[in-house]
Amino acid sequence: MPSVRSRTAARSLNLLLNALSPKEYDDIRPLLDIVTLDARRVLHNPGEPAKYVYFPRAGFLSIAIVLENGAMVEVATIGREGMAGVTAKGPGRGGMTDTLVVVQGSNAYRMRVADFHSEMGRCGAFMELINNYSEAFLGVLMQSTGCNAAHSVEQRLAKWLLMAHDRMEAEEFSITQEFVAMMLGATRQTVTGVAGSLQKAGLIRYHRGRVRILDRAGLEEASCECYRVSTNLLRSAIPRTRSRPRAK
């Protein structure tokens, strides 16, 4: 996982970090590395102590639960609006109990867990920002639990595609049915059938691992309310950002 350190810019591509004041961000920048994240790379396994906190700059990550039979079910996705690796709890209380997987290859800011907890204690604005995000993210996890139990695969696939569309910031992106099936806790055959229905309805085009969103409004109608609720929760956690000249 190559990394490069840069101190030449005054603005973060991660929306959480970008919500800090220029002075607060400049104080934290020396602790950040920019790392390349390859698709399907596992950044953290359950039971392992977390070493790093990740603040995505592009693309997105997935937090998933691994069941005893090896099946994996996604509980949340994290893009530029958030962070992953640990929660806002204090040092020495363990890391994530779930698997952290890169869904779309991109890059992120990476901070050592020890530095993260040190900054939480040193910078009140950083601690408040992370605490607010953690509270909102807990709401997203609770919403996801209800969604996985109560909503159809078609609704959940539509929601997942909307989340991916938001984070990729592109009309077309790469994803395999095998990976989506694993994230949704469904069979590939089920996902193939549901994706075919969405395509026949003119909402998406799917061909050879490439998905293109054709009708965003129609896809939102096909989704459940969980997309809207989760998106609003995350937006509420990020204060209005300040104007800065360039992005790091």
C-alpha atoms as a PDB file:
ATOM      1  CA  MET A   1       0.000   0.000   0.000  1.00  0.00           C
ATOM      2  CA  PRO A   2       2.121   2.952  -1.216  1.00  0.00           C
ATOM      3  CA  SER A   3       1.871   6.249   0.593  1.00  0.00           C
ATOM      4  CA  VAL A   4       3.044   9.797   0.094  1.00  0.00           C
ATOM      5  CA  ARG A   5       3.071  12.681   2.541  1.00  0.00           C
ATOM      6  CA  SER A   6       2.211  16.180   1.365  1.00  0.00           C
ATOM      7  CA  ARG A   7       2.134  19.549   3.131  1.00  0.00           C
ATOM      8  CA  THR A   8       1.512  21.815   0.152  1.00  0.00           C
ATOM      9  CA  ALA A   9      -2.269  22.242   0.297  1.00  0.00           C
ATOM     10  CA  ALA A  10      -4.709  23.956   2.603  1.00  0.00           C
ATOM     11  CA  ARG A  11      -7.903  21.976   2.122  1.00  0.00           C
ATOM     12  CA  SER A  12      -8.932  18.342   2.606  1.00  0.00           C
ATOM     13  CA  LEU A  13     -10.821  16.215   0.106  1.00  0.00           C
ATOM     14  CA  ASN A  14     -12.393  14.402   3.043  1.00  0.00           C
ATOM     15  CA  LEU A  15     -15.482  16.341   4.140  1.00  0.00           C
ATOM     16  CA  LEU A  16     -14.991  15.647   7.842  1.00  0.00           C
ATOM     17  CA  LEU A  17     -11.442  16.981   7.857  1.00  0.00           C
ATOM     18  CA  ASN A  18     -12.483  19.818   5.581  1.00  0.00           C
ATOM     19  CA  ALA A  19     -14.960  20.977   8.237  1.00  0.00           C
ATOM     20  CA  LEU A  20     -12.046  21.882  10.520  1.00  0.00           C
ATOM     21  CA  SER A  21     -10.733  25.422  10.505  1.00  0.00           C
ATOM     22  CA  PRO A  22      -7.538  26.019   8.462  1.00  0.00           C
ATOM     23  CA  LYS A  23      -5.512  26.222  11.693  1.00  0.00           C
ATOM     24  CA  GLU A  24      -7.013  23.015  13.096  1.00  0.00           C
ATOM     25  CA  TYR A  25      -6.449  21.166   9.846  1.00  0.00           C
ATOM     26  CA  ASP A  26      -2.867  22.428   9.514  1.00  0.00           C
ATOM     27  CA  ASP A  27      -2.126  21.072  12.997  1.00  0.00           C
ATOM     28  CA  ILE A  28      -3.411  17.624  11.999  1.00  0.00           C
ATOM     29  CA  ARG A  29      -1.940  17.426   8.490  1.00  0.00           C
ATOM     30  CA  PRO A  30       1.540  16.224   9.548  1.00  0.00           C
ATOM     31  CA  LEU A  31      -0.129  13.128  11.030  1.00  0.00           C
ATOM     32  CA  LEU A  32      -1.839  12.192   7.762  1.00  0.00           C
ATOM     33  CA  ASP A  33      -0.491   9.989   4.988  1.00  0.00           C
ATOM     34  CA  ILE A  34      -2.220   9.672   1.637  1.00  0.00           C
ATOM     35  CA  VAL A  35      -2.505   5.962   0.816  1.00  0.00           C
ATOM     36  CA  THR A  36      -3.659   4.146  -2.314  1.00  0.00           C
ATOM     37  CA  LEU A  37      -6.477   1.680  -1.645  1.00  0.00           C
ATOM     38  CA  ASP A  38      -6.914  -1.179  -4.089  1.00  0.00           C
ATOM     39  CA  ALA A  39     -10.407  -2.566  -4.682  1.00  0.00           C
ATOM     40  CA  ARG A  40     -11.379  -5.536  -2.472  1.00  0.00           C
ATOM     41  CA  ARG A  41      -8.439  -4.991  -0.154  1.00  0.00           C
ATOM     42  CA  VAL A  42      -9.269  -5.931   3.448  1.00  0.00           C
ATOM     43  CA  LEU A  43      -8.045  -3.121   5.704  1.00  0.00           C
ATOM     44  CA  HIS A  44      -9.138  -4.675   8.965  1.00  0.00           C
ATOM     45  CA  ASN A  45     -10.282  -8.103  10.145  1.00  0.00           C
ATOM     46  CA  PRO A  46     -12.504  -8.764  13.179  1.00  0.00           C
ATOM     47  CA  GLY A  47     -10.598  -9.342  16.390  1.00  0.00           C
ATOM     48  CA  GLU A  48      -7.483  -7.507  15.231  1.00  0.00           C
ATOM     49  CA  PRO A  49      -6.404  -4.319  17.005  1.00  0.00           C
ATOM     50  CA  ALA A  50      -6.896  -1.359  14.711  1.00  0.00           C
ATOM     51  CA  LYS A  51      -3.649   0.297  13.584  1.00  0.00           C
ATOM     52  CA  TYR A  52      -4.990   3.103  11.432  1.00  0.00           C
ATOM     53  CA  VAL A  53      -7.956   5.406  10.972  1.00  0.00           C
ATOM     54  CA  TYR A  54      -8.953   6.073   7.364  1.00  0.00           C
ATOM     55  CA  PHE A  55     -10.540   9.251   5.996  1.00  0.00           C
ATOM     56  CA  PRO A  56     -11.524   8.473   2.355  1.00  0.00           C
ATOM     57  CA  ARG A  57     -10.677  11.101  -0.270  1.00  0.00           C
ATOM     58  CA  ALA A  58     -12.455   9.290  -3.143  1.00  0.00           C
ATOM     59  CA  GLY A  59     -14.280   6.020  -3.692  1.00  0.00           C
ATOM     60  CA  PHE A  60     -15.675   4.230  -0.667  1.00  0.00           C
ATOM     61  CA  LEU A  61     -15.190   1.532   1.953  1.00  0.00           C
ATOM     62  CA  SER A  62     -17.537  -1.072   3.370  1.00  0.00           C
ATOM     63  CA  ILE A  63     -18.051  -2.295   6.914  1.00  0.00           C
ATOM     64  CA  ALA A  64     -19.334  -5.857   6.877  1.00  0.00           C
ATOM     65  CA  ILE A  65     -20.240  -8.581   9.347  1.00  0.00           C
ATOM     66  CA  VAL A  66     -18.716 -12.027   8.721  1.00  0.00           C
ATOM     67  CA  LEU A  67     -20.936 -14.907   9.792  1.00  0.00           C
ATOM     68  CA  GLU A  68     -19.771 -18.318  11.034  1.00  0.00           C
ATOM     69  CA  ASN A  69     -20.381 -19.910   7.626  1.00  0.00           C
ATOM     70  CA  GLY A  70     -18.118 -17.327   6.004  1.00  0.00           C
ATOM     71  CA  ALA A  71     -20.934 -15.272   4.492  1.00  0.00           C
ATOM     72  CA  MET A  72     -20.425 -11.525   4.562  1.00  0.00           C
ATOM     73  CA  VAL A  73     -23.195  -8.933   4.954  1.00  0.00           C
ATOM     74  CA  GLU A  74     -22.597  -5.214   4.617  1.00  0.00           C
ATOM     75  CA  VAL A  75     -23.882  -2.925   7.359  1.00  0.00           C
ATOM     76  CA  ALA A  76     -22.601   0.426   6.058  1.00  0.00           C
ATOM     77  CA  THR A  77     -20.576   2.181   3.372  1.00  0.00           C
ATOM     78  CA  ILE A  78     -18.206   5.060   4.055  1.00  0.00           C
ATOM     79  CA  GLY A  79     -17.079   7.664   1.552  1.00  0.00           C
ATOM     80  CA  ARG A  80     -15.601  11.161   1.651  1.00  0.00           C
ATOM     81  CA  GLU A  81     -18.178  12.172   4.237  1.00  0.00           C
ATOM     82  CA  GLY A  82     -16.723   9.962   6.959  1.00  0.00           C
ATOM     83  CA  MET A  83     -13.992   7.920   8.554  1.00  0.00           C
ATOM     84  CA  ALA A  84     -13.346   4.265   9.385  1.00  0.00           C
ATOM     85  CA  GLY A  85     -11.033   2.181  11.522  1.00  0.00           C
ATOM     86  CA  VAL A  86     -12.062   3.015  15.081  1.00  0.00           C
ATOM     87  CA  THR A  87     -14.902   4.830  16.779  1.00  0.00           C
ATOM     88  CA  ALA A  88     -14.716   7.853  19.027  1.00  0.00           C
ATOM     89  CA  LYS A  89     -14.092   5.725  22.111  1.00  0.00           C
ATOM     90  CA  GLY A  90     -10.970   6.149  24.193  1.00  0.00           C
ATOM     91  CA  PRO A  91      -7.596   4.408  23.736  1.00  0.00           C
ATOM     92  CA  GLY A  92      -7.150   0.846  24.946  1.00  0.00           C
ATOM     93  CA  ARG A  93     -10.785  -0.156  24.383  1.00  0.00           C
ATOM     94  CA  GLY A  94     -10.175  -2.192  21.265  1.00  0.00           C
ATOM     95  CA  GLY A  95     -10.764  -1.704  17.567  1.00  0.00           C
ATOM     96  CA  MET A  96     -13.549  -2.610  15.188  1.00  0.00           C
ATOM     97  CA  THR A  97     -15.141  -6.019  15.499  1.00  0.00           C
ATOM     98  CA  ASP A  98     -16.142  -6.050  11.834  1.00  0.00           C
ATOM     99  CA  THR A  99     -14.358  -6.369   8.498  1.00  0.00           C
ATOM    100  CA  LEU A 100     -13.325  -3.201   6.668  1.00  0.00           C
ATOM    101  CA  VAL A 101     -13.136  -3.710   2.895  1.00  0.00           C
ATOM    102  CA  VAL A 102     -12.304  -1.361   0.024  1.00  0.00           C
ATOM    103  CA  VAL A 103     -15.212  -1.414  -2.426  1.00  0.00           C
ATOM    104  CA  GLN A 104     -13.925   0.969  -5.079  1.00  0.00           C
ATOM    105  CA  GLY A 105     -10.183   1.458  -5.442  1.00  0.00           C
ATOM    106  CA  SER A 106      -9.188   4.994  -4.565  1.00  0.00           C
ATOM    107  CA  ASN A 107      -7.171   6.715  -1.885  1.00  0.00           C
ATOM    108  CA  ALA A 108      -7.577   7.977   1.646  1.00  0.00           C
ATOM    109  CA  TYR A 109      -5.883   9.892   4.425  1.00  0.00           C
ATOM    110  CA  ARG A 110      -4.473   7.452   6.948  1.00  0.00           C
ATOM    111  CA  MET A 111      -3.714   8.321  10.569  1.00  0.00           C
ATOM    112  CA  ARG A 112      -2.219   6.088  13.244  1.00  0.00           C
ATOM    113  CA  VAL A 113      -4.729   5.145  15.930  1.00  0.00           C
ATOM    114  CA  ALA A 114      -2.420   6.473  18.667  1.00  0.00           C
ATOM    115  CA  ASP A 115      -2.239   9.850  16.888  1.00  0.00           C
ATOM    116  CA  PHE A 116      -6.008   9.829  16.412  1.00  0.00           C
ATOM    117  CA  HIS A 117      -6.668   9.402  20.136  1.00  0.00           C
ATOM    118  CA  SER A 118      -4.010  11.993  20.951  1.00  0.00           C
ATOM    119  CA  GLU A 119      -5.711  14.536  18.668  1.00  0.00           C
ATOM    120  CA  MET A 120      -9.085  13.676  20.185  1.00  0.00           C
ATOM    121  CA  GLY A 121      -7.702  14.717  23.562  1.00  0.00           C
ATOM    122  CA  ARG A 122      -5.772  17.734  22.294  1.00  0.00           C
ATOM    123  CA  CYS A 123      -8.171  19.393  19.855  1.00  0.00           C
ATOM    124  CA  GLY A 124     -11.694  20.053  21.099  1.00  0.00           C
ATOM    125  CA  ALA A 125     -13.008  20.894  17.630  1.00  0.00           C
ATOM    126  CA  PHE A 126     -11.681  17.600  16.228  1.00  0.00           C
ATOM    127  CA  MET A 127     -13.194  15.634  19.102  1.00  0.00           C
ATOM    128  CA  GLU A 128     -16.580  17.324  18.657  1.00  0.00           C
ATOM    129  CA  LEU A 129     -16.522  16.649  14.916  1.00  0.00           C
ATOM    130  CA  ILE A 130     -15.678  12.964  15.363  1.00  0.00           C
ATOM    131  CA  ASN A 131     -18.214  12.524  18.177  1.00  0.00           C
ATOM    132  CA  ASN A 132     -20.968  14.064  16.042  1.00  0.00           C
ATOM    133  CA  TYR A 133     -20.064  11.824  13.126  1.00  0.00           C
ATOM    134  CA  SER A 134     -19.912   8.725  15.337  1.00  0.00           C
ATOM    135  CA  GLU A 135     -23.373   9.463  16.706  1.00  0.00           C
ATOM    136  CA  ALA A 136     -24.791   9.899  13.205  1.00  0.00           C
ATOM    137  CA  PHE A 137     -23.014   6.773  11.985  1.00  0.00           C
ATOM    138  CA  LEU A 138     -24.533   4.765  14.835  1.00  0.00           C
ATOM    139  CA  GLY A 139     -27.925   5.869  13.536  1.00  0.00           C
ATOM    140  CA  VAL A 140     -26.936   4.658  10.064  1.00  0.00           C
ATOM    141  CA  LEU A 141     -25.955   1.260  11.474  1.00  0.00           C
ATOM    142  CA  MET A 142     -29.295   0.962  13.293  1.00  0.00           C
ATOM    143  CA  GLN A 143     -31.140   1.915  10.102  1.00  0.00           C
ATOM    144  CA  SER A 144     -29.141  -0.682   8.177  1.00  0.00           C
ATOM    145  CA  THR A 145     -30.100  -3.387  10.673  1.00  0.00           C
ATOM    146  CA  GLY A 146     -33.785  -2.692  10.101  1.00  0.00           C
ATOM    147  CA  CYS A 147     -33.243  -2.419   6.346  1.00  0.00           C
ATOM    148  CA  ASN A 148     -31.548  -5.819   6.056  1.00  0.00           C
ATOM    149  CA  ALA A 149     -34.379  -7.417   8.023  1.00  0.00           C
ATOM    150  CA  ALA A 150     -37.429  -5.719   6.514  1.00  0.00           C
ATOM    151  CA  HIS A 151     -36.726  -4.651   2.939  1.00  0.00           C
ATOM    152  CA  SER A 152     -36.489  -6.601  -0.296  1.00  0.00           C
ATOM    153  CA  VAL A 153     -33.281  -7.283  -2.194  1.00  0.00           C
ATOM    154  CA  GLU A 154     -34.509  -4.967  -4.961  1.00  0.00           C
ATOM    155  CA  GLN A 155     -34.968  -2.093  -2.511  1.00  0.00           C
ATOM    156  CA  ARG A 156     -31.607  -2.743  -0.885  1.00  0.00           C
ATOM    157  CA  LEU A 157     -29.817  -3.015  -4.220  1.00  0.00           C
ATOM    158  CA  ALA A 158     -31.352   0.282  -5.342  1.00  0.00           C
ATOM    159  CA  LYS A 159     -30.216   1.864  -2.068  1.00  0.00           C
ATOM    160  CA  TRP A 160     -26.715   0.429  -2.474  1.00  0.00           C
ATOM    161  CA  LEU A 161     -26.420   1.742  -6.030  1.00  0.00           C
ATOM    162  CA  LEU A 162     -27.525   5.197  -4.878  1.00  0.00           C
ATOM    163  CA  MET A 163     -24.928   5.165  -2.097  1.00  0.00           C
ATOM    164  CA  ALA A 164     -22.254   4.089  -4.586  1.00  0.00           C
ATOM    165  CA  HIS A 165     -23.386   6.751  -7.059  1.00  0.00           C
ATOM    166  CA  ASP A 166     -23.092   9.448  -4.389  1.00  0.00           C
ATOM    167  CA  ARG A 167     -19.605   8.394  -3.374  1.00  0.00           C
ATOM    168  CA  MET A 168     -18.152   7.752  -6.830  1.00  0.00           C
ATOM    169  CA  GLU A 169     -19.497  11.086  -8.126  1.00  0.00           C
ATOM    170  CA  ALA A 170     -19.724   9.526 -11.591  1.00  0.00           C
ATOM    171  CA  GLU A 171     -22.590   8.230 -13.705  1.00  0.00           C
ATOM    172  CA  GLU A 172     -20.778   4.946 -14.369  1.00  0.00           C
ATOM    173  CA  PHE A 173     -18.617   2.762 -12.136  1.00  0.00           C
ATOM    174  CA  SER A 174     -17.258  -0.790 -11.890  1.00  0.00           C
ATOM    175  CA  ILE A 175     -18.774  -3.449  -9.651  1.00  0.00           C
ATOM    176  CA  THR A 176     -19.257  -7.199  -9.993  1.00  0.00           C
ATOM    177  CA  GLN A 177     -22.476  -9.029  -9.174  1.00  0.00           C
ATOM    178  CA  GLU A 178     -20.505 -11.436  -6.984  1.00  0.00           C
ATOM    179  CA  PHE A 179     -19.302  -8.616  -4.787  1.00  0.00           C
ATOM    180  CA  VAL A 180     -22.713  -6.931  -4.569  1.00  0.00           C
ATOM    181  CA  ALA A 181     -24.308 -10.281  -3.699  1.00  0.00           C
ATOM    182  CA  MET A 182     -21.792 -10.770  -0.920  1.00  0.00           C
ATOM    183  CA  MET A 183     -22.424  -7.273   0.456  1.00  0.00           C
ATOM    184  CA  LEU A 184     -26.213  -7.730   0.364  1.00  0.00           C
ATOM    185  CA  GLY A 185     -26.133 -11.222   1.815  1.00  0.00           C
ATOM    186  CA  ALA A 186     -27.908 -12.580  -1.267  1.00  0.00           C
ATOM    187  CA  THR A 187     -27.060 -15.119  -3.962  1.00  0.00           C
ATOM    188  CA  ARG A 188     -25.544 -14.053  -7.242  1.00  0.00           C
ATOM    189  CA  GLN A 189     -28.601 -15.435  -9.050  1.00  0.00           C
ATOM    190  CA  THR A 190     -30.879 -13.207  -6.961  1.00  0.00           C
ATOM    191  CA  VAL A 191     -28.786 -10.118  -7.645  1.00  0.00           C
ATOM    192  CA  THR A 192     -28.673 -10.981 -11.363  1.00  0.00           C
ATOM    193  CA  GLY A 193     -32.449 -11.160 -11.473  1.00  0.00           C
ATOM    194  CA  VAL A 194     -32.984  -7.960  -9.502  1.00  0.00           C
ATOM    195  CA  ALA A 195     -30.377  -6.032 -11.497  1.00  0.00           C
ATOM    196  CA  GLY A 196     -32.103  -7.257 -14.655  1.00  0.00           C
ATOM    197  CA  SER A 197     -35.420  -5.887 -13.381  1.00  0.00           C
ATOM    198  CA  LEU A 198     -33.858  -2.489 -12.662  1.00  0.00           C
ATOM    199  CA  GLN A 199     -32.315  -2.510 -16.131  1.00  0.00           C
ATOM    200  CA  LYS A 200     -35.607  -3.424 -17.823  1.00  0.00           C
ATOM    201  CA  ALA A 201     -37.243  -0.542 -15.953  1.00  0.00           C
ATOM    202  CA  GLY A 202     -34.685   1.794 -17.513  1.00  0.00           C
ATOM    203  CA  LEU A 203     -33.127   2.755 -14.182  1.00  0.00           C
ATOM    204  CA  ILE A 204     -29.632   1.362 -14.780  1.00  0.00           C
ATOM    205  CA  ARG A 205     -27.483  -0.188 -17.473  1.00  0.00           C
ATOM    206  CA  TYR A 206     -25.296  -3.094 -16.410  1.00  0.00           C
ATOM    207  CA  HIS A 207     -22.765  -4.729 -18.740  1.00  0.00           C
ATOM    208  CA  ARG A 208     -19.556  -6.614 -18.030  1.00  0.00           C
ATOM    209  CA  GLY A 209     -19.091  -5.325 -14.533  1.00  0.00           C
ATOM    210  CA  ARG A 210     -19.938  -1.708 -15.361  1.00  0.00           C
ATOM    211  CA  VAL A 211     -23.035   0.001 -13.939  1.00  0.00           C
ATOM    212  CA  ARG A 212     -24.426   3.243 -15.301  1.00  0.00           C
ATOM    213  CA  ILE A 213     -27.216   5.132 -13.535  1.00  0.00           C
ATOM    214  CA  LEU A 214     -29.790   6.134 -16.158  1.00  0.00           C
ATOM    215  CA  ASP A 215     -32.711   7.340 -14.010  1.00  0.00           C
ATOM    216  CA  ARG A 216     -31.636   8.629 -10.617  1.00  0.00           C
ATOM    217  CA  ALA A 217     -35.141   9.698  -9.562  1.00  0.00           C
ATOM    218  CA  GLY A 218     -36.579   6.341 -10.567  1.00  0.00           C
ATOM    219  CA  LEU A 219     -33.873   4.514  -8.634  1.00  0.00           C
ATOM    220  CA  GLU A 220     -34.722   6.546  -5.534  1.00  0.00           C
ATOM    221  CA  GLU A 221     -38.359   5.495  -5.905  1.00  0.00           C
ATOM    222  CA  ALA A 222     -37.287   1.845  -6.186  1.00  0.00           C
ATOM    223  CA  SER A 223     -35.214   2.171  -3.019  1.00  0.00           C
ATOM    224  CA  CYS A 224     -36.521   2.083   0.540  1.00  0.00           C
ATOM    225  CA  GLU A 225     -36.632   5.063   2.900  1.00  0.00           C
ATOM    226  CA  CYS A 226     -33.318   3.940   4.398  1.00  0.00           C
ATOM    227  CA  TYR A 227     -31.327   5.732   1.686  1.00  0.00           C
ATOM    228  CA  ARG A 228     -32.931   9.073   2.536  1.00  0.00           C
ATOM    229  CA  VAL A 229     -32.721   8.560   6.295  1.00  0.00           C
ATOM    230  CA  SER A 230     -29.066   7.469   6.244  1.00  0.00           C
ATOM    231  CA  THR A 231     -28.029  10.261   3.881  1.00  0.00           C
ATOM    232  CA  ASN A 232     -29.708  12.914   6.029  1.00  0.00           C
ATOM    233  CA  LEU A 233     -28.070  11.531   9.178  1.00  0.00           C
ATOM    234  CA  LEU A 234     -24.593  11.780   7.666  1.00  0.00           C
ATOM    235  CA  ARG A 235     -25.206  15.246   6.240  1.00  0.00           C
ATOM    236  CA  SER A 236     -26.317  16.496   9.646  1.00  0.00           C
ATOM    237  CA  ALA A 237     -22.987  15.435  11.170  1.00  0.00           C
ATOM    238  CA  ILE A 238     -20.873  17.661   8.917  1.00  0.00           C
ATOM    239  CA  PRO A 239     -20.963  21.416   9.600  1.00  0.00           C
ATOM    240  CA  ARG A 240     -20.769  23.897   6.776  1.00  0.00           C
ATOM    241  CA  THR A 241     -17.194  23.929   5.489  1.00  0.00           C
ATOM    242  CA  ARG A 242     -15.077  27.057   5.297  1.00  0.00           C
ATOM    243  CA  SER A 243     -13.653  28.405   2.070  1.00  0.00           C
ATOM    244  CA  ARG A 244     -10.087  27.328   1.411  1.00  0.00           C
ATOM    245  CA  PRO A 245      -7.871  27.759  -1.654  1.00  0.00           C
ATOM    246  CA  ARG A 246      -6.783  24.261  -2.632  1.00  0.00           C
ATOM    247  CA  ALA A 247      -7.360  20.595  -1.889  1.00  0.00           C
ATOM    248  CA  LYS A 248      -4.700  18.234  -0.609  1.00  0.00           C
END
